[in-house]
């Protein structure tokens, strides 16, 4: 059995308001995306890494994110699609793995994942077929329409989904293929397995495992990087 990692990094990051896409912004001594790749490249359980980026940015990604850091497990870059789901499907096709191999899908803009979470996700995926990390919701959640509150869900059963999300290769390929045929769009890859009716394990992650989306997120990520706590790599 082999362990593959897909890192979608094809989003435009418009909410960041920067002159370059968020994955190329500096975080400490390297771009955000380089931190994310290093998490998996340094991990002994990982065999292959596929980074998915916009086709026009492939030379930039190779030169600024990959080449300077000597990554050994990164395979040829994969061109992204119109939406994240399309990009992941392109990455799955590039893998050409066996059905029982494991695929971890991790956002390129989540560079602060604790490496200690990777093996538990792999183990749960082997056992159940699909597993993700997340954290319990801390704030009260309001359901709103037209500027008015409709309901306040009980937050005791609500979790905020994160990545990595792990899947048996055959299962996630089946889910993506069916979603493409039926024009179904999920909010994340786990939602496609839920849509198929399959079980997905939830493992408790970390509140440090933020997705860098806004300028405020980048400030927080820099603070986390320089503070004691989970070692992201």
Protein backbone atom coordinates (compact mmCIF):
# COMPACT_ATOMS: atom_id res chain seq x y z
CA UNK A 1 0.00 0.00 0.00
CA UNK A 2 1.24 3.49 -0.90
CA UNK A 3 0.29 6.83 0.65
CA UNK A 4 -0.34 9.71 -1.73
CA UNK A 5 -0.85 13.36 -0.84
CA UNK A 6 -2.75 15.84 -3.01
CA UNK A 7 -2.18 19.51 -2.20
CA UNK A 8 -4.71 21.73 -4.01
CA UNK A 9 -3.18 25.20 -4.39
CA UNK A 10 -5.04 26.48 -7.43
CA UNK A 11 -7.29 29.03 -5.69
CA UNK A 12 -6.97 32.70 -6.59
CA UNK A 13 -7.09 33.94 -2.99
CA UNK A 14 -9.00 37.12 -3.80
CA UNK A 15 -9.81 37.79 -0.12
CA UNK A 16 -6.11 38.15 0.63
CA UNK A 17 -5.88 41.29 -1.52
CA UNK A 18 -2.21 40.63 -2.34
CA UNK A 19 -0.39 41.06 -5.65
CA UNK A 20 0.39 37.31 -5.76
CA UNK A 21 -1.67 34.28 -4.80
CA UNK A 22 -1.66 33.53 -1.09
CA UNK A 23 0.34 30.31 -1.38
CA UNK A 24 3.39 32.30 -2.54
CA UNK A 25 3.32 34.83 0.31
CA UNK A 26 6.23 34.58 2.76
CA UNK A 27 5.73 32.81 6.08
CA UNK A 28 8.96 32.81 8.02
CA UNK A 29 11.79 31.65 5.78
CA UNK A 30 9.74 30.30 2.88
CA UNK A 31 6.43 30.64 0.99
CA UNK A 32 3.25 29.39 2.66
CA UNK A 33 2.95 26.48 0.21
CA UNK A 34 6.54 25.34 0.85
CA UNK A 35 5.72 24.92 4.54
CA UNK A 36 2.71 22.80 3.61
CA UNK A 37 4.69 20.57 1.27
CA UNK A 38 7.45 20.13 3.88
CA UNK A 39 4.95 18.69 6.36
CA UNK A 40 4.44 15.67 4.13
CA UNK A 41 7.81 15.49 2.39
CA UNK A 42 9.50 15.03 5.79
CA UNK A 43 6.99 12.47 7.05
CA UNK A 44 8.12 8.83 6.80
CA UNK A 45 4.64 7.46 5.98
CA UNK A 46 4.26 9.52 2.80
CA UNK A 47 5.35 8.14 -0.58
CA UNK A 48 4.17 10.61 -3.23
CA UNK A 49 3.08 14.27 -3.24
CA UNK A 50 1.15 15.96 -6.05
CA UNK A 51 0.83 19.75 -5.91
CA UNK A 52 -2.05 21.15 -7.94
CA UNK A 53 -1.72 24.76 -9.12
CA UNK A 54 -2.99 26.97 -11.93
CA UNK A 55 -1.39 25.97 -15.22
CA UNK A 56 -0.10 29.51 -15.81
CA UNK A 57 1.66 29.45 -12.42
CA UNK A 58 3.46 26.14 -12.85
CA UNK A 59 6.88 27.70 -13.64
CA UNK A 60 6.55 30.11 -10.69
CA UNK A 61 5.49 27.33 -8.33
CA UNK A 62 8.35 25.09 -9.43
CA UNK A 63 10.98 27.84 -9.15
CA UNK A 64 9.87 29.53 -5.94
CA UNK A 65 8.08 26.83 -3.94
CA UNK A 66 9.65 23.49 -4.85
CA UNK A 67 13.16 23.76 -6.33
CA UNK A 68 14.80 25.81 -3.52
CA UNK A 69 13.90 23.31 -0.78
CA UNK A 70 15.06 19.96 -2.13
CA UNK A 71 11.78 18.09 -1.73
CA UNK A 72 12.20 14.42 -2.65
CA UNK A 73 8.60 13.18 -2.80
CA UNK A 74 7.03 15.88 -5.00
CA UNK A 75 5.96 14.54 -8.39
CA UNK A 76 5.30 16.61 -11.54
CA UNK A 77 2.94 19.52 -10.94
CA UNK A 78 -0.72 19.04 -11.84
CA UNK A 79 -2.79 21.73 -13.57
CA UNK A 80 -5.78 22.90 -11.56
CA UNK A 81 -9.34 23.09 -12.78
CA UNK A 82 -12.03 25.75 -12.73
CA UNK A 83 -13.01 24.91 -9.13
CA UNK A 84 -11.38 23.08 -6.25
CA UNK A 85 -13.36 19.91 -6.92
CA UNK A 86 -12.09 19.91 -10.51
CA UNK A 87 -8.53 20.41 -9.28
CA UNK A 88 -8.74 17.48 -6.89
CA UNK A 89 -10.16 15.28 -9.62
CA UNK A 90 -7.20 16.22 -11.84
CA UNK A 91 -4.87 15.29 -9.00
CA UNK A 92 -6.55 11.92 -8.51
CA UNK A 93 -6.18 11.15 -12.19
CA UNK A 94 -2.48 12.04 -12.02
CA UNK A 95 -1.87 9.59 -9.15
CA UNK A 96 -2.92 6.45 -11.03
CA UNK A 97 -2.84 4.63 -7.68
CA UNK A 98 -4.34 1.27 -6.71
CA UNK A 99 -7.85 1.19 -5.24
CA UNK A 100 -6.61 0.27 -1.75
CA UNK A 101 -3.90 2.94 -1.63
CA UNK A 102 -4.54 5.92 0.65
CA UNK A 103 -4.89 9.50 -0.57
CA UNK A 104 -4.60 12.44 1.80
CA UNK A 105 -6.00 15.73 0.49
CA UNK A 106 -4.66 18.81 2.27
CA UNK A 107 -5.22 22.50 1.55
CA UNK A 108 -2.12 24.26 0.29
CA UNK A 109 -2.94 27.20 2.56
CA UNK A 110 -2.86 25.12 5.78
CA UNK A 111 0.86 25.19 6.62
CA UNK A 112 0.55 24.69 10.39
CA UNK A 113 -0.77 21.14 10.59
CA UNK A 114 0.81 19.11 13.37
CA UNK A 115 2.72 16.21 11.80
CA UNK A 116 1.46 14.03 14.68
CA UNK A 117 -2.01 14.00 13.08
CA UNK A 118 -0.92 12.41 9.80
CA UNK A 119 -0.56 8.79 10.96
CA UNK A 120 -3.90 8.74 12.85
CA UNK A 121 -5.68 9.96 9.71
CA UNK A 122 -3.99 7.23 7.67
CA UNK A 123 -4.91 4.56 10.23
CA UNK A 124 -8.57 5.65 10.40
CA UNK A 125 -8.77 5.78 6.62
CA UNK A 126 -7.40 2.24 6.36
CA UNK A 127 -10.02 1.06 8.83
CA UNK A 128 -13.10 2.93 7.60
CA UNK A 129 -12.34 4.18 4.10
CA UNK A 130 -12.53 7.90 4.89
CA UNK A 131 -11.37 10.13 7.75
CA UNK A 132 -10.84 13.83 8.31
CA UNK A 133 -9.62 16.15 11.04
CA UNK A 134 -11.62 18.97 12.54
CA UNK A 135 -12.30 20.89 15.73
CA UNK A 136 -15.45 21.42 17.79
CA UNK A 137 -17.18 24.73 17.08
CA UNK A 138 -16.45 27.20 19.89
CA UNK A 139 -18.82 30.03 18.99
CA UNK A 140 -22.60 30.10 18.90
CA UNK A 141 -23.76 29.50 15.31
CA UNK A 142 -26.72 31.33 13.81
CA UNK A 143 -28.63 30.26 10.73
CA UNK A 144 -29.47 33.44 8.81
CA UNK A 145 -31.49 34.34 5.71
CA UNK A 146 -32.18 37.82 4.36
CA UNK A 147 -30.34 39.37 7.28
CA UNK A 148 -32.55 37.72 9.90
CA UNK A 149 -31.80 34.83 12.25
CA UNK A 150 -33.82 31.70 11.47
CA UNK A 151 -32.38 29.35 14.07
CA UNK A 152 -29.57 28.66 16.53
CA UNK A 153 -28.32 25.08 16.04
CA UNK A 154 -27.11 23.14 19.04
CA UNK A 155 -23.33 23.54 18.74
CA UNK A 156 -22.56 20.47 20.87
CA UNK A 157 -22.59 18.30 17.73
CA UNK A 158 -21.04 20.83 15.34
CA UNK A 159 -17.45 20.55 14.16
CA UNK A 160 -15.39 22.72 11.86
CA UNK A 161 -13.90 20.57 9.11
CA UNK A 162 -10.20 20.90 8.35
CA UNK A 163 -7.67 18.97 6.30
CA UNK A 164 -6.02 16.54 5.78
CA UNK A 165 -8.91 14.41 4.63
CA UNK A 166 -7.98 10.79 3.94
CA UNK A 167 -9.64 8.32 1.57
CA UNK A 168 -9.09 4.96 -0.02
CA UNK A 169 -8.14 5.84 -3.57
CA UNK A 170 -10.84 3.75 -5.23
CA UNK A 171 -13.55 5.23 -3.01
CA UNK A 172 -12.69 8.89 -3.55
CA UNK A 173 -12.25 8.33 -7.30
CA UNK A 174 -15.72 6.76 -7.44
CA UNK A 175 -17.17 9.71 -5.52
CA UNK A 176 -15.57 12.31 -7.79
CA UNK A 177 -16.57 10.46 -10.96
CA UNK A 178 -20.20 10.19 -9.86
CA UNK A 179 -20.28 13.83 -8.76
CA UNK A 180 -18.96 14.89 -12.17
CA UNK A 181 -21.58 12.81 -13.97
CA UNK A 182 -24.41 14.20 -11.87
CA UNK A 183 -23.03 17.75 -11.67
CA UNK A 184 -22.92 17.58 -7.86
CA UNK A 185 -20.72 20.04 -5.99
CA UNK A 186 -19.62 19.27 -2.46
CA UNK A 187 -18.23 21.73 0.03
CA UNK A 188 -15.23 19.46 0.64
CA UNK A 189 -14.08 16.01 -0.42
CA UNK A 190 -15.60 14.33 2.65
CA UNK A 191 -19.01 15.66 1.65
CA UNK A 192 -18.79 13.60 -1.55
CA UNK A 193 -18.40 10.42 0.51
CA UNK A 194 -21.32 11.50 2.71
CA UNK A 195 -23.34 12.06 -0.47
CA UNK A 196 -22.53 8.51 -1.54
CA UNK A 197 -23.82 7.32 1.84
CA UNK A 198 -20.46 6.21 3.18
CA UNK A 199 -19.09 6.75 6.70
CA UNK A 200 -16.42 9.34 7.43
CA UNK A 201 -14.46 9.36 10.70
CA UNK A 202 -13.83 12.68 12.45
CA UNK A 203 -10.55 13.03 14.33
CA UNK A 204 -9.88 15.96 16.62
CA UNK A 205 -7.38 18.30 15.04
CA UNK A 206 -5.96 21.59 16.28
CA UNK A 207 -7.15 25.19 16.34
CA UNK A 208 -3.66 26.09 15.08
CA UNK A 209 -4.39 24.30 11.80
CA UNK A 210 -5.83 27.42 10.21
CA UNK A 211 -6.46 28.01 6.53
CA UNK A 212 -4.78 31.22 5.42
CA UNK A 213 -7.44 33.16 3.55
CA UNK A 214 -7.28 36.80 4.72
CA UNK A 215 -4.47 39.17 5.76
CA UNK A 216 -5.48 38.60 9.39
CA UNK A 217 -4.95 34.84 8.94
CA UNK A 218 -1.41 35.47 7.74
CA UNK A 219 -0.66 37.57 10.84
CA UNK A 220 -2.04 34.77 13.04
CA UNK A 221 -0.04 32.12 11.16
CA UNK A 222 3.17 34.09 11.69
CA UNK A 223 2.39 34.34 15.39
CA UNK A 224 1.72 30.58 15.63
CA UNK A 225 4.91 29.81 13.74
CA UNK A 226 6.94 31.77 16.27
CA UNK A 227 5.17 30.53 19.38
CA UNK A 228 5.53 27.31 21.41
CA UNK A 229 3.01 24.59 20.70
CA UNK A 230 2.43 21.91 18.10
CA UNK A 231 5.39 21.60 15.80
CA UNK A 232 3.92 21.86 12.27
CA UNK A 233 6.83 20.04 10.65
